[in-house]
Amino acid sequence: MKAPPPVPQRRNTDRLVACSNSNAPAARKIVRASLSADRQHALVSVQDHGPGIAPQYQEKIFRRFVQIPDKNSYRGGSGLGLGVAREFIGSQGGQLWVGSELGAGSACLFTRPLAVPGPA
């Protein structure tokens, strides 16, 4: 077993914070990031207090080029960020998902193994 490279995890955390910041209205742009770990995985959570994500979009936002149809808070972007982040995190043995409630904000969370198997 060898430790995974540390830089990509920082990039994914930065990407989640940027997505949260760009999608939360200015008056509610409070973002909280946290990190916890057990013996096998690190868990990173990025939470905002924005408008939230409707249940029907919570899985769709991880598809490439998909954006939530909301013209009032649209801030631009290509719709690639979360899809690319999920693919990369998955390739490292982790998972990326969202928890959200309309009107109460969203939390993007990901896990990543603290060690990845070496070449066979």
PDB file of N, CA and C in Angstrom:
ATOM      1  N   MET A   1       0.839  -1.179   0.000  1.00  0.00           N
ATOM      2  CA  MET A   1       0.000   0.000   0.000  1.00  0.00           C
ATOM      3  C   MET A   1       0.883   1.240   0.000  1.00  0.00           C
ATOM      4  N   LYS A   2       0.472   2.221  -0.789  1.00  0.00           N
ATOM      5  CA  LYS A   2       1.200   3.488  -0.798  1.00  0.00           C
ATOM      6  C   LYS A   2       0.218   4.628  -0.620  1.00  0.00           C
ATOM      7  N   ALA A   3       0.703   5.722  -0.085  1.00  0.00           N
ATOM      8  CA  ALA A   3      -0.153   6.889   0.133  1.00  0.00           C
ATOM      9  C   ALA A   3      -0.492   7.534  -1.197  1.00  0.00           C
ATOM     10  N   PRO A   4      -1.743   8.012  -1.370  1.00  0.00           N
ATOM     11  CA  PRO A   4      -2.114   8.699  -2.603  1.00  0.00           C
ATOM     12  C   PRO A   4      -1.453  10.067  -2.660  1.00  0.00           C
ATOM     13  N   PRO A   5      -1.304  10.616  -3.855  1.00  0.00           N
ATOM     14  CA  PRO A   5      -0.712  11.951  -3.961  1.00  0.00           C
ATOM     15  C   PRO A   5      -1.625  12.989  -3.315  1.00  0.00           C
ATOM     16  N   PRO A   6      -1.087  13.934  -2.544  1.00  0.00           N
ATOM     17  CA  PRO A   6      -1.928  14.886  -1.827  1.00  0.00           C
ATOM     18  C   PRO A   6      -2.498  16.010  -2.668  1.00  0.00           C
ATOM     19  N   VAL A   7      -1.870  16.407  -3.749  1.00  0.00           N
ATOM     20  CA  VAL A   7      -2.290  17.595  -4.496  1.00  0.00           C
ATOM     21  C   VAL A   7      -3.684  17.466  -5.094  1.00  0.00           C
ATOM     22  N   PRO A   8      -4.048  16.354  -5.762  1.00  0.00           N
ATOM     23  CA  PRO A   8      -5.387  16.292  -6.363  1.00  0.00           C
ATOM     24  C   PRO A   8      -6.512  16.451  -5.355  1.00  0.00           C
ATOM     25  N   GLN A   9      -6.354  15.954  -4.131  1.00  0.00           N
ATOM     26  CA  GLN A   9      -7.414  16.115  -3.143  1.00  0.00           C
ATOM     27  C   GLN A   9      -7.645  17.594  -2.870  1.00  0.00           C
ATOM     28  N   ARG A  10      -6.578  18.368  -2.780  1.00  0.00           N
ATOM     29  CA  ARG A  10      -6.718  19.809  -2.565  1.00  0.00           C
ATOM     30  C   ARG A  10      -7.445  20.448  -3.740  1.00  0.00           C
ATOM     31  N   ARG A  11      -7.117  20.004  -4.954  1.00  0.00           N
ATOM     32  CA  ARG A  11      -7.797  20.559  -6.134  1.00  0.00           C
ATOM     33  C   ARG A  11      -9.281  20.241  -6.112  1.00  0.00           C
ATOM     34  N   ASN A  12      -9.652  19.026  -5.709  1.00  0.00           N
ATOM     35  CA  ASN A  12     -11.069  18.670  -5.656  1.00  0.00           C
ATOM     36  C   ASN A  12     -11.789  19.454  -4.576  1.00  0.00           C
ATOM     37  N   THR A  13     -11.152  19.667  -3.437  1.00  0.00           N
ATOM     38  CA  THR A  13     -11.765  20.490  -2.394  1.00  0.00           C
ATOM     39  C   THR A  13     -11.951  21.909  -2.900  1.00  0.00           C
ATOM     40  N   ASP A  14     -10.939  22.455  -3.568  1.00  0.00           N
ATOM     41  CA  ASP A  14     -11.046  23.793  -4.138  1.00  0.00           C
ATOM     42  C   ASP A  14     -12.183  23.862  -5.155  1.00  0.00           C
ATOM     43  N   ARG A  15     -12.328  22.825  -5.979  1.00  0.00           N
ATOM     44  CA  ARG A  15     -13.392  22.803  -6.993  1.00  0.00           C
ATOM     45  C   ARG A  15     -14.766  22.797  -6.319  1.00  0.00           C
ATOM     46  N   LEU A  16     -14.927  22.014  -5.243  1.00  0.00           N
ATOM     47  CA  LEU A  16     -16.212  21.973  -4.551  1.00  0.00           C
ATOM     48  C   LEU A  16     -16.531  23.312  -3.899  1.00  0.00           C
ATOM     49  N   VAL A  17     -15.535  23.957  -3.303  1.00  0.00           N
ATOM     50  CA  VAL A  17     -15.763  25.272  -2.703  1.00  0.00           C
ATOM     51  C   VAL A  17     -16.136  26.279  -3.786  1.00  0.00           C
ATOM     52  N   ALA A  18     -15.444  26.240  -4.923  1.00  0.00           N
ATOM     53  CA  ALA A  18     -15.746  27.166  -6.018  1.00  0.00           C
ATOM     54  C   ALA A  18     -17.159  26.944  -6.537  1.00  0.00           C
ATOM     55  N   CYS A  19     -17.577  25.685  -6.710  1.00  0.00           N
ATOM     56  CA  CYS A  19     -18.945  25.403  -7.170  1.00  0.00           C
ATOM     57  C   CYS A  19     -19.959  25.912  -6.162  1.00  0.00           C
ATOM     58  N   SER A  20     -19.692  25.700  -4.893  1.00  0.00           N
ATOM     59  CA  SER A  20     -20.603  26.168  -3.861  1.00  0.00           C
ATOM     60  C   SER A  20     -20.686  27.686  -3.863  1.00  0.00           C
ATOM     61  N   ASN A  21     -19.548  28.353  -3.949  1.00  0.00           N
ATOM     62  CA  ASN A  21     -19.534  29.812  -3.972  1.00  0.00           C
ATOM     63  C   ASN A  21     -20.241  30.372  -5.185  1.00  0.00           C
ATOM     64  N   SER A  22     -20.074  29.761  -6.338  1.00  0.00           N
ATOM     65  CA  SER A  22     -20.657  30.319  -7.554  1.00  0.00           C
ATOM     66  C   SER A  22     -22.159  30.093  -7.633  1.00  0.00           C
ATOM     67  N   ASN A  23     -22.683  29.110  -6.897  1.00  0.00           N
ATOM     68  CA  ASN A  23     -24.100  28.801  -6.990  1.00  0.00           C
ATOM     69  C   ASN A  23     -24.930  29.319  -5.824  1.00  0.00           C
ATOM     70  N   ALA A  24     -24.311  29.823  -4.777  1.00  0.00           N
ATOM     71  CA  ALA A  24     -25.063  30.361  -3.642  1.00  0.00           C
ATOM     72  C   ALA A  24     -25.279  31.857  -3.841  1.00  0.00           C
ATOM     73  N   PRO A  25     -26.481  32.356  -3.553  1.00  0.00           N
ATOM     74  CA  PRO A  25     -26.706  33.795  -3.656  1.00  0.00           C
ATOM     75  C   PRO A  25     -25.763  34.555  -2.724  1.00  0.00           C
ATOM     76  N   ALA A  26     -25.406  35.769  -3.101  1.00  0.00           N
ATOM     77  CA  ALA A  26     -24.432  36.561  -2.340  1.00  0.00           C
ATOM     78  C   ALA A  26     -24.832  36.712  -0.875  1.00  0.00           C
ATOM     79  N   ALA A  27     -26.087  36.909  -0.601  1.00  0.00           N
ATOM     80  CA  ALA A  27     -26.527  37.115   0.775  1.00  0.00           C
ATOM     81  C   ALA A  27     -26.408  35.852   1.624  1.00  0.00           C
ATOM     82  N   ARG A  28     -26.292  34.690   0.988  1.00  0.00           N
ATOM     83  CA  ARG A  28     -26.247  33.427   1.723  1.00  0.00           C
ATOM     84  C   ARG A  28     -24.977  32.653   1.416  1.00  0.00           C
ATOM     85  N   LYS A  29     -23.923  33.333   1.051  1.00  0.00           N
ATOM     86  CA  LYS A  29     -22.702  32.683   0.600  1.00  0.00           C
ATOM     87  C   LYS A  29     -21.782  32.338   1.771  1.00  0.00           C
ATOM     88  N   ILE A  30     -22.299  31.607   2.719  1.00  0.00           N
ATOM     89  CA  ILE A  30     -21.505  31.132   3.843  1.00  0.00           C
ATOM     90  C   ILE A  30     -21.129  29.699   3.520  1.00  0.00           C
ATOM     91  N   VAL A  31     -19.861  29.463   3.341  1.00  0.00           N
ATOM     92  CA  VAL A  31     -19.400  28.124   2.981  1.00  0.00           C
ATOM     93  C   VAL A  31     -18.558  27.583   4.125  1.00  0.00           C
ATOM     94  N   ARG A  32     -18.811  26.352   4.490  1.00  0.00           N
ATOM     95  CA  ARG A  32     -18.051  25.697   5.546  1.00  0.00           C
ATOM     96  C   ARG A  32     -17.448  24.417   4.976  1.00  0.00           C
ATOM     97  N   ALA A  33     -16.179  24.233   5.177  1.00  0.00           N
ATOM     98  CA  ALA A  33     -15.511  23.010   4.738  1.00  0.00           C
ATOM     99  C   ALA A  33     -15.001  22.288   5.973  1.00  0.00           C
ATOM    100  N   SER A  34     -15.092  20.971   5.959  1.00  0.00           N
ATOM    101  CA  SER A  34     -14.585  20.191   7.085  1.00  0.00           C
ATOM    102  C   SER A  34     -13.913  18.933   6.570  1.00  0.00           C
ATOM    103  N   LEU A  35     -13.017  18.419   7.382  1.00  0.00           N
ATOM    104  CA  LEU A  35     -12.261  17.210   7.055  1.00  0.00           C
ATOM    105  C   LEU A  35     -12.270  16.319   8.281  1.00  0.00           C
ATOM    106  N   SER A  36     -12.578  15.050   8.070  1.00  0.00           N
ATOM    107  CA  SER A  36     -12.487  14.067   9.146  1.00  0.00           C
ATOM    108  C   SER A  36     -11.930  12.785   8.543  1.00  0.00           C
ATOM    109  N   ALA A  37     -11.489  11.883   9.390  1.00  0.00           N
ATOM    110  CA  ALA A  37     -10.903  10.643   8.887  1.00  0.00           C
ATOM    111  C   ALA A  37     -11.086   9.525   9.899  1.00  0.00           C
ATOM    112  N   ASP A  38     -11.206   8.316   9.375  1.00  0.00           N
ATOM    113  CA  ASP A  38     -11.101   7.135  10.212  1.00  0.00           C
ATOM    114  C   ASP A  38      -9.803   6.445   9.788  1.00  0.00           C
ATOM    115  N   ARG A  39      -9.623   5.211  10.096  1.00  0.00           N
ATOM    116  CA  ARG A  39      -8.355   4.537   9.769  1.00  0.00           C
ATOM    117  C   ARG A  39      -8.195   4.248   8.273  1.00  0.00           C
ATOM    118  N   GLN A  40      -9.295   4.274   7.529  1.00  0.00           N
ATOM    119  CA  GLN A  40      -9.224   3.898   6.123  1.00  0.00           C
ATOM    120  C   GLN A  40      -9.532   5.026   5.147  1.00  0.00           C
ATOM    121  N   HIS A  41     -10.371   5.985   5.529  1.00  0.00           N
ATOM    122  CA  HIS A  41     -10.834   7.011   4.598  1.00  0.00           C
ATOM    123  C   HIS A  41     -10.800   8.409   5.206  1.00  0.00           C
ATOM    124  N   ALA A  42     -10.575   9.380   4.347  1.00  0.00           N
ATOM    125  CA  ALA A  42     -10.777  10.778   4.703  1.00  0.00           C
ATOM    126  C   ALA A  42     -12.142  11.176   4.163  1.00  0.00           C
ATOM    127  N   LEU A  43     -12.853  12.024   4.886  1.00  0.00           N
ATOM    128  CA  LEU A  43     -14.147  12.545   4.457  1.00  0.00           C
ATOM    129  C   LEU A  43     -14.040  14.064   4.426  1.00  0.00           C
ATOM    130  N   VAL A  44     -14.305  14.638   3.259  1.00  0.00           N
ATOM    131  CA  VAL A  44     -14.295  16.092   3.093  1.00  0.00           C
ATOM    132  C   VAL A  44     -15.724  16.525   2.803  1.00  0.00           C
ATOM    133  N   SER A  45     -16.172  17.570   3.485  1.00  0.00           N
ATOM    134  CA  SER A  45     -17.512  18.102   3.303  1.00  0.00           C
ATOM    135  C   SER A  45     -17.419  19.602   3.048  1.00  0.00           C
ATOM    136  N   VAL A  46     -18.134  20.077   2.022  1.00  0.00           N
ATOM    137  CA  VAL A  46     -18.226  21.502   1.724  1.00  0.00           C
ATOM    138  C   VAL A  46     -19.714  21.843   1.726  1.00  0.00           C
ATOM    139  N   GLN A  47     -20.096  22.756   2.630  1.00  0.00           N
ATOM    140  CA  GLN A  47     -21.508  23.061   2.827  1.00  0.00           C
ATOM    141  C   GLN A  47     -21.771  24.544   2.606  1.00  0.00           C
ATOM    142  N   ASP A  48     -22.910  24.846   1.965  1.00  0.00           N
ATOM    143  CA  ASP A  48     -23.317  26.246   1.806  1.00  0.00           C
ATOM    144  C   ASP A  48     -24.735  26.414   2.338  1.00  0.00           C
ATOM    145  N   HIS A  49     -25.178  27.641   2.370  1.00  0.00           N
ATOM    146  CA  HIS A  49     -26.534  27.948   2.824  1.00  0.00           C
ATOM    147  C   HIS A  49     -27.314  28.606   1.689  1.00  0.00           C
ATOM    148  N   GLY A  50     -27.094  28.105   0.477  1.00  0.00           N
ATOM    149  CA  GLY A  50     -27.755  28.635  -0.708  1.00  0.00           C
ATOM    150  C   GLY A  50     -29.165  28.096  -0.849  1.00  0.00           C
ATOM    151  N   PRO A  51     -29.705  28.148  -2.072  1.00  0.00           N
ATOM    152  CA  PRO A  51     -31.102  27.770  -2.298  1.00  0.00           C
ATOM    153  C   PRO A  51     -31.361  26.264  -2.225  1.00  0.00           C
ATOM    154  N   GLY A  52     -30.310  25.458  -2.251  1.00  0.00           N
ATOM    155  CA  GLY A  52     -30.490  24.014  -2.244  1.00  0.00           C
ATOM    156  C   GLY A  52     -30.677  23.461  -3.645  1.00  0.00           C
ATOM    157  N   ILE A  53     -30.680  22.152  -3.744  1.00  0.00           N
ATOM    158  CA  ILE A  53     -30.809  21.459  -5.028  1.00  0.00           C
ATOM    159  C   ILE A  53     -32.003  20.524  -4.927  1.00  0.00           C
ATOM    160  N   ALA A  54     -32.935  20.660  -5.860  1.00  0.00           N
ATOM    161  CA  ALA A  54     -34.125  19.804  -5.876  1.00  0.00           C
ATOM    162  C   ALA A  54     -33.709  18.340  -6.033  1.00  0.00           C
ATOM    163  N   PRO A  55     -34.448  17.430  -5.402  1.00  0.00           N
ATOM    164  CA  PRO A  55     -34.079  16.007  -5.451  1.00  0.00           C
ATOM    165  C   PRO A  55     -33.866  15.466  -6.863  1.00  0.00           C
ATOM    166  N   GLN A  56     -34.667  15.912  -7.837  1.00  0.00           N
ATOM    167  CA  GLN A  56     -34.531  15.376  -9.197  1.00  0.00           C
ATOM    168  C   GLN A  56     -33.221  15.773  -9.872  1.00  0.00           C
ATOM    169  N   TYR A  57     -32.493  16.748  -9.323  1.00  0.00           N
ATOM    170  CA  TYR A  57     -31.223  17.182  -9.908  1.00  0.00           C
ATOM    171  C   TYR A  57     -30.000  16.710  -9.123  1.00  0.00           C
ATOM    172  N   GLN A  58     -30.204  16.111  -7.972  1.00  0.00           N
ATOM    173  CA  GLN A  58     -29.072  15.791  -7.106  1.00  0.00           C
ATOM    174  C   GLN A  58     -28.107  14.761  -7.697  1.00  0.00           C
ATOM    175  N   GLU A  59     -28.556  13.912  -8.565  1.00  0.00           N
ATOM    176  CA  GLU A  59     -27.646  12.989  -9.248  1.00  0.00           C
ATOM    177  C   GLU A  59     -27.242  13.543 -10.609  1.00  0.00           C
ATOM    178  N   LYS A  60     -28.131  14.258 -11.244  1.00  0.00           N
ATOM    179  CA  LYS A  60     -27.856  14.801 -12.578  1.00  0.00           C
ATOM    180  C   LYS A  60     -26.705  15.800 -12.591  1.00  0.00           C
ATOM    181  N   ILE A  61     -26.480  16.532 -11.490  1.00  0.00           N
ATOM    182  CA  ILE A  61     -25.428  17.551 -11.474  1.00  0.00           C
ATOM    183  C   ILE A  61     -24.035  16.963 -11.648  1.00  0.00           C
ATOM    184  N   PHE A  62     -23.900  15.645 -11.525  1.00  0.00           N
ATOM    185  CA  PHE A  62     -22.600  15.001 -11.695  1.00  0.00           C
ATOM    186  C   PHE A  62     -22.357  14.544 -13.136  1.00  0.00           C
ATOM    187  N   ARG A  63     -23.332  14.773 -14.015  1.00  0.00           N
ATOM    188  CA  ARG A  63     -23.148  14.470 -15.435  1.00  0.00           C
ATOM    189  C   ARG A  63     -22.469  15.660 -16.105  1.00  0.00           C
ATOM    190  N   ARG A  64     -21.618  15.371 -17.065  1.00  0.00           N
ATOM    191  CA  ARG A  64     -20.918  16.450 -17.769  1.00  0.00           C
ATOM    192  C   ARG A  64     -21.900  17.348 -18.512  1.00  0.00           C
ATOM    193  N   PHE A  65     -21.662  18.642 -18.433  1.00  0.00           N
ATOM    194  CA  PHE A  65     -22.409  19.702 -19.113  1.00  0.00           C
ATOM    195  C   PHE A  65     -23.827  19.916 -18.581  1.00  0.00           C
ATOM    196  N   VAL A  66     -24.163  19.305 -17.449  1.00  0.00           N
ATOM    197  CA  VAL A  66     -25.498  19.497 -16.874  1.00  0.00           C
ATOM    198  C   VAL A  66     -25.440  20.628 -15.857  1.00  0.00           C
ATOM    199  N   GLN A  67     -26.419  21.526 -15.964  1.00  0.00           N
ATOM    200  CA  GLN A  67     -26.571  22.606 -15.000  1.00  0.00           C
ATOM    201  C   GLN A  67     -28.017  22.650 -14.553  1.00  0.00           C
ATOM    202  N   ILE A  68     -28.235  23.082 -13.341  1.00  0.00           N
ATOM    203  CA  ILE A  68     -29.589  23.180 -12.818  1.00  0.00           C
ATOM    204  C   ILE A  68     -30.287  24.367 -13.485  1.00  0.00           C
ATOM    205  N   PRO A  69     -31.478  24.166 -14.034  1.00  0.00           N
ATOM    206  CA  PRO A  69     -32.173  25.271 -14.710  1.00  0.00           C
ATOM    207  C   PRO A  69     -32.750  26.275 -13.717  1.00  0.00           C
ATOM    208  N   ASP A  70     -31.979  27.320 -13.456  1.00  0.00           N
ATOM    209  CA  ASP A  70     -32.409  28.387 -12.556  1.00  0.00           C
ATOM    210  C   ASP A  70     -31.793  29.689 -13.046  1.00  0.00           C
ATOM    211  N   LYS A  71     -32.512  30.433 -13.835  1.00  0.00           N
ATOM    212  CA  LYS A  71     -31.978  31.650 -14.451  1.00  0.00           C
ATOM    213  C   LYS A  71     -31.689  32.753 -13.429  1.00  0.00           C
ATOM    214  N   ASN A  72     -32.311  32.727 -12.260  1.00  0.00           N
ATOM    215  CA  ASN A  72     -32.110  33.781 -11.267  1.00  0.00           C
ATOM    216  C   ASN A  72     -30.738  33.724 -10.611  1.00  0.00           C
ATOM    217  N   SER A  73     -30.172  32.531 -10.419  1.00  0.00           N
ATOM    218  CA  SER A  73     -28.897  32.453  -9.727  1.00  0.00           C
ATOM    219  C   SER A  73     -27.785  31.889 -10.612  1.00  0.00           C
ATOM    220  N   TYR A  74     -28.011  31.769 -11.910  1.00  0.00           N
ATOM    221  CA  TYR A  74     -26.989  31.249 -12.808  1.00  0.00           C
ATOM    222  C   TYR A  74     -25.767  32.157 -12.806  1.00  0.00           C
ATOM    223  N   ARG A  75     -24.585  31.580 -12.615  1.00  0.00           N
ATOM    224  CA  ARG A  75     -23.354  32.351 -12.524  1.00  0.00           C
ATOM    225  C   ARG A  75     -22.344  31.978 -13.610  1.00  0.00           C
ATOM    226  N   GLY A  76     -22.746  31.176 -14.577  1.00  0.00           N
ATOM    227  CA  GLY A  76     -21.820  30.779 -15.632  1.00  0.00           C
ATOM    228  C   GLY A  76     -21.195  29.434 -15.341  1.00  0.00           C
ATOM    229  N   GLY A  77     -20.272  29.046 -16.174  1.00  0.00           N
ATOM    230  CA  GLY A  77     -19.609  27.758 -16.020  1.00  0.00           C
ATOM    231  C   GLY A  77     -20.012  26.820 -17.131  1.00  0.00           C
ATOM    232  N   SER A  78     -19.286  25.727 -17.219  1.00  0.00           N
ATOM    233  CA  SER A  78     -19.515  24.776 -18.302  1.00  0.00           C
ATOM    234  C   SER A  78     -20.343  23.569 -17.883  1.00  0.00           C
ATOM    235  N   GLY A  79     -20.518  23.362 -16.589  1.00  0.00           N
ATOM    236  CA  GLY A  79     -21.206  22.159 -16.134  1.00  0.00           C
ATOM    237  C   GLY A  79     -20.291  20.954 -16.082  1.00  0.00           C
ATOM    238  N   LEU A  80     -18.994  21.181 -16.058  1.00  0.00           N
ATOM    239  CA  LEU A  80     -18.026  20.081 -16.013  1.00  0.00           C
ATOM    240  C   LEU A  80     -17.476  19.795 -14.621  1.00  0.00           C
ATOM    241  N   GLY A  81     -17.441  20.787 -13.750  1.00  0.00           N
ATOM    242  CA  GLY A  81     -16.712  20.694 -12.488  1.00  0.00           C
ATOM    243  C   GLY A  81     -17.034  19.488 -11.636  1.00  0.00           C
ATOM    244  N   LEU A  82     -18.298  19.283 -11.307  1.00  0.00           N
ATOM    245  CA  LEU A  82     -18.654  18.176 -10.429  1.00  0.00           C
ATOM    246  C   LEU A  82     -18.497  16.826 -11.117  1.00  0.00           C
ATOM    247  N   GLY A  83     -18.766  16.766 -12.419  1.00  0.00           N
ATOM    248  CA  GLY A  83     -18.585  15.508 -13.147  1.00  0.00           C
ATOM    249  C   GLY A  83     -17.130  15.078 -13.179  1.00  0.00           C
ATOM    250  N   VAL A  84     -16.244  16.019 -13.465  1.00  0.00           N
ATOM    251  CA  VAL A  84     -14.811  15.719 -13.491  1.00  0.00           C
ATOM    252  C   VAL A  84     -14.327  15.341 -12.095  1.00  0.00           C
ATOM    253  N   ALA A  85     -14.781  16.080 -11.088  1.00  0.00           N
ATOM    254  CA  ALA A  85     -14.376  15.769  -9.711  1.00  0.00           C
ATOM    255  C   ALA A  85     -14.818  14.366  -9.318  1.00  0.00           C
ATOM    256  N   ARG A  86     -16.055  13.979  -9.668  1.00  0.00           N
ATOM    257  CA  ARG A  86     -16.546  12.638  -9.315  1.00  0.00           C
ATOM    258  C   ARG A  86     -15.739  11.553 -10.025  1.00  0.00           C
ATOM    259  N   GLU A  87     -15.432  11.767 -11.295  1.00  0.00           N
ATOM    260  CA  GLU A  87     -14.635  10.783 -12.028  1.00  0.00           C
ATOM    261  C   GLU A  87     -13.254  10.624 -11.411  1.00  0.00           C
ATOM    262  N   PHE A  88     -12.616  11.730 -11.082  1.00  0.00           N
ATOM    263  CA  PHE A  88     -11.274  11.650 -10.508  1.00  0.00           C
ATOM    264  C   PHE A  88     -11.300  10.985  -9.132  1.00  0.00           C
ATOM    265  N   ILE A  89     -12.226  11.407  -8.288  1.00  0.00           N
ATOM    266  CA  ILE A  89     -12.318  10.827  -6.951  1.00  0.00           C
ATOM    267  C   ILE A  89     -12.616   9.334  -7.040  1.00  0.00           C
ATOM    268  N   GLY A  90     -13.502   8.945  -7.958  1.00  0.00           N
ATOM    269  CA  GLY A  90     -13.792   7.530  -8.165  1.00  0.00           C
ATOM    270  C   GLY A  90     -12.572   6.745  -8.622  1.00  0.00           C
ATOM    271  N   SER A  91     -11.754   7.353  -9.472  1.00  0.00           N
ATOM    272  CA  SER A  91     -10.545   6.671  -9.951  1.00  0.00           C
ATOM    273  C   SER A  91      -9.532   6.461  -8.824  1.00  0.00           C
ATOM    274  N   GLN A  92      -9.660   7.210  -7.740  1.00  0.00           N
ATOM    275  CA  GLN A  92      -8.778   7.072  -6.583  1.00  0.00           C
ATOM    276  C   GLN A  92      -9.395   6.198  -5.490  1.00  0.00           C
ATOM    277  N   GLY A  93     -10.543   5.573  -5.788  1.00  0.00           N
ATOM    278  CA  GLY A  93     -11.186   4.692  -4.823  1.00  0.00           C
ATOM    279  C   GLY A  93     -12.136   5.394  -3.875  1.00  0.00           C
ATOM    280  N   GLY A  94     -12.496   6.642  -4.189  1.00  0.00           N
ATOM    281  CA  GLY A  94     -13.404   7.397  -3.322  1.00  0.00           C
ATOM    282  C   GLY A  94     -14.778   7.553  -3.936  1.00  0.00           C
ATOM    283  N   GLN A  95     -15.621   8.291  -3.241  1.00  0.00           N
ATOM    284  CA  GLN A  95     -16.979   8.581  -3.697  1.00  0.00           C
ATOM    285  C   GLN A  95     -17.262  10.066  -3.498  1.00  0.00           C
ATOM    286  N   LEU A  96     -18.096  10.632  -4.364  1.00  0.00           N
ATOM    287  CA  LEU A  96     -18.527  12.026  -4.266  1.00  0.00           C
ATOM    288  C   LEU A  96     -20.044  12.053  -4.394  1.00  0.00           C
ATOM    289  N   TRP A  97     -20.708  12.755  -3.476  1.00  0.00           N
ATOM    290  CA  TRP A  97     -22.160  12.853  -3.522  1.00  0.00           C
ATOM    291  C   TRP A  97     -22.594  14.184  -2.936  1.00  0.00           C
ATOM    292  N   VAL A  98     -23.892  14.466  -3.072  1.00  0.00           N
ATOM    293  CA  VAL A  98     -24.452  15.714  -2.552  1.00  0.00           C
ATOM    294  C   VAL A  98     -25.629  15.386  -1.640  1.00  0.00           C
ATOM    295  N   GLY A  99     -25.779  16.194  -0.616  1.00  0.00           N
ATOM    296  CA  GLY A  99     -26.957  16.176   0.234  1.00  0.00           C
ATOM    297  C   GLY A  99     -27.525  17.581   0.197  1.00  0.00           C
ATOM    298  N   SER A 100     -28.827  17.724   0.031  1.00  0.00           N
ATOM    299  CA  SER A 100     -29.377  19.059  -0.112  1.00  0.00           C
ATOM    300  C   SER A 100     -30.838  19.090   0.286  1.00  0.00           C
ATOM    301  N   GLU A 101     -31.247  20.254   0.737  1.00  0.00           N
ATOM    302  CA  GLU A 101     -32.651  20.502   1.043  1.00  0.00           C
ATOM    303  C   GLU A 101     -32.997  21.875   0.477  1.00  0.00           C
ATOM    304  N   LEU A 102     -34.069  21.944  -0.301  1.00  0.00           N
ATOM    305  CA  LEU A 102     -34.466  23.215  -0.894  1.00  0.00           C
ATOM    306  C   LEU A 102     -34.671  24.264   0.195  1.00  0.00           C
ATOM    307  N   GLY A 103     -34.084  25.420  -0.005  1.00  0.00           N
ATOM    308  CA  GLY A 103     -34.193  26.512   0.939  1.00  0.00           C
ATOM    309  C   GLY A 103     -33.227  26.443   2.113  1.00  0.00           C
ATOM    310  N   ALA A 104     -32.467  25.355   2.221  1.00  0.00           N
ATOM    311  CA  ALA A 104     -31.579  25.192   3.380  1.00  0.00           C
ATOM    312  C   ALA A 104     -30.121  24.982   2.991  1.00  0.00           C
ATOM    313  N   GLY A 105     -29.818  24.927   1.707  1.00  0.00           N
ATOM    314  CA  GLY A 105     -28.434  24.763   1.281  1.00  0.00           C
ATOM    315  C   GLY A 105     -28.089  23.343   0.870  1.00  0.00           C
ATOM    316  N   SER A 106     -26.816  23.170   0.550  1.00  0.00           N
ATOM    317  CA  SER A 106     -26.321  21.889   0.041  1.00  0.00           C
ATOM    318  C   SER A 106     -24.998  21.552   0.693  1.00  0.00           C
ATOM    319  N   ALA A 107     -24.694  20.277   0.699  1.00  0.00           N
ATOM    320  CA  ALA A 107     -23.385  19.808   1.138  1.00  0.00           C
ATOM    321  C   ALA A 107     -22.873  18.838   0.094  1.00  0.00           C
ATOM    322  N   CYS A 108     -21.681  19.101  -0.429  1.00  0.00           N
ATOM    323  CA  CYS A 108     -20.992  18.145  -1.289  1.00  0.00           C
ATOM    324  C   CYS A 108     -19.973  17.438  -0.409  1.00  0.00           C
ATOM    325  N   LEU A 109     -19.968  16.126  -0.483  1.00  0.00           N
ATOM    326  CA  LEU A 109     -19.074  15.336   0.353  1.00  0.00           C
ATOM    327  C   LEU A 109     -18.299  14.370  -0.516  1.00  0.00           C
ATOM    328  N   PHE A 110     -17.054  14.104  -0.129  1.00  0.00           N
ATOM    329  CA  PHE A 110     -16.340  13.028  -0.791  1.00  0.00           C
ATOM    330  C   PHE A 110     -15.452  12.298   0.190  1.00  0.00           C
ATOM    331  N   THR A 111     -15.277  11.010  -0.108  1.00  0.00           N
ATOM    332  CA  THR A 111     -14.350  10.180   0.653  1.00  0.00           C
ATOM    333  C   THR A 111     -13.190   9.824  -0.251  1.00  0.00           C
ATOM    334  N   ARG A 112     -12.091   9.510   0.373  1.00  0.00           N
ATOM    335  CA  ARG A 112     -10.913   9.070  -0.356  1.00  0.00           C
ATOM    336  C   ARG A 112     -10.123   8.154   0.561  1.00  0.00           C
ATOM    337  N   PRO A 113      -9.669   7.026   0.035  1.00  0.00           N
ATOM    338  CA  PRO A 113      -8.866   6.129   0.885  1.00  0.00           C
ATOM    339  C   PRO A 113      -7.590   6.847   1.345  1.00  0.00           C
ATOM    340  N   LEU A 114      -7.176   6.557   2.554  1.00  0.00           N
ATOM    341  CA  LEU A 114      -5.934   7.135   3.054  1.00  0.00           C
ATOM    342  C   LEU A 114      -4.726   6.447   2.441  1.00  0.00           C
ATOM    343  N   ALA A 115      -4.907   5.249   1.917  1.00  0.00           N
ATOM    344  CA  ALA A 115      -3.838   4.546   1.203  1.00  0.00           C
ATOM    345  C   ALA A 115      -4.470   3.837   0.012  1.00  0.00           C
ATOM    346  N   VAL A 116      -3.766   3.782  -1.086  1.00  0.00           N
ATOM    347  CA  VAL A 116      -4.250   3.077  -2.265  1.00  0.00           C
ATOM    348  C   VAL A 116      -3.305   1.916  -2.543  1.00  0.00           C
ATOM    349  N   PRO A 117      -3.846   0.799  -3.070  1.00  0.00           N
ATOM    350  CA  PRO A 117      -2.986  -0.339  -3.365  1.00  0.00           C
ATOM    351  C   PRO A 117      -1.929   0.004  -4.406  1.00  0.00           C
ATOM    352  N   GLY A 118      -0.760  -0.529  -4.238  1.00  0.00           N
ATOM    353  CA  GLY A 118       0.313  -0.333  -5.221  1.00  0.00           C
ATOM    354  C   GLY A 118       0.093  -1.222  -6.427  1.00  0.00           C
ATOM    355  N   PRO A 119       0.951  -1.108  -7.440  1.00  0.00           N
ATOM    356  CA  PRO A 119       0.805  -1.959  -8.627  1.00  0.00           C
ATOM    357  C   PRO A 119       0.935  -3.426  -8.283  1.00  0.00           C
ATOM    358  N   ALA A 120       0.152  -4.233  -8.965  1.00  0.00           N
ATOM    359  CA  ALA A 120       0.166  -5.680  -8.704  1.00  0.00           C
ATOM    360  C   ALA A 120       1.339  -6.350  -9.355  1.00  0.00           C
TER     361      ALA A 120
END
